C-alpha cells in the first residue's frame, strides 16, 4: 500500500511543480485572476505532495523505546496538515484574489495564452490523475469510489486522488470563466471563476480534514477484517468464546489487535500457549496488516465484572464483544 501511495505522490509532485511554474508565467503575463488562483492551487498541491512524502518517510521509521508501536500514525498527522494548507493557502488566496477581481474587474490581456496553458495543464493533470486513480483502484474491491474514500486508511493515496480531481475541475472553472468573460465582455467572470476554485478547494480540504481526523483519533479495522478474525478465533477448539475484540489502525497497513478470550477449562496451560500461537499465526497469514496481537485469557464472568465496574465508574467501553451480545 505504501508503494502505491509513493508512486502516486511522486507523479503528482513532479506534474504539479511543472504546471505551477507555467501557470504563474501565464498569470503574470495576462493578468488573469483565475489563472493566478490556479497557479496558487498548483503550488499548494506541490507543497502538499512534499509534505505527504515526508510523512510517508517518517511513518516507515522502526519502533523504538519512546514509540513502541512505531511511527505509522505520522502519515495521518501530515495528511491533516495537508488539509490545513489546502484550505489556508489554496482556498483562502483564491477566494481573496477572486473577490478583489470582482470589486475591480480588469480585462485579461492575451487570453489565448491562458487557453493554451490551461489546455496543457488539463493534459498533464489528467495524466497524474490517471496514475493516482489506477493505484487507488487496486484497493476498491467491491466498494464504490466514494465508499473506498470513506473506508480507506491510506491518506497519501486518497489525498492525491482528491487533489487531482479538484485540479481538473478547477481548470474547467478557469476555462469557463475566461471564455465567458471574453465572449460576453465581462471580466468580472474571471473573478467569479477564482472564487469558485477557492470554494472547491475549501470543500476538498474540509473533507480531507474530517477523514484524517478520524484516523488520528484511531479507527478500527474494516468490518470484513474484524469478522474474519472472529471466525478464525471462534473456529479454534480451545476457545470457549470471545469476550472482546478491539482493533486500531496505527498506520495505513499496520493494525493493532487486542483480544480477550475465554479458554475452555479442560485444556492445560501448554495447550493454551499452543492455541495462542496458532491463532496469531493464522490471523497474520490471512491479514498481514495485523502487525501486533495481544491476547488476554479471561473468563466470561471476570470480563463481565470488569466491564460492569468500568461502567459504574463512568467509563463506557465500546460494546464489541460476542459475550455481551449473548448476555
Foldseek 3Di string as FASTA:
>chain_A
DLVLLLVLLVLLLVLLVVLLVLLVVLCVVFVFLLSPLLSQLSVLSNVLSVLLVVLSVQQPDAADPVRNQGSQLSNLVSLLVSLVSLLVRNLVSLLVSLVVCLVPPDGTPPCVSVVVSLVVSLVSLVVSLVSLVVSLVVPQPPHDPVVCLLQAQRSSSVVSNLSSVLSNVLSVLQVVLNVCCVVVVPSSSSSVSSNVSSVSSNVSSVSSNVRSVCLSVWDFHDPVLVVVLLCLLVVDPQFPFWFAWTWTDPHRLAIEIETETETDPPDDPVVVVVSVVVSVVVSCVVRVSHDYYHYHHDHNVRSVVVQVVCVVVPDHDDPGTPSVVVD
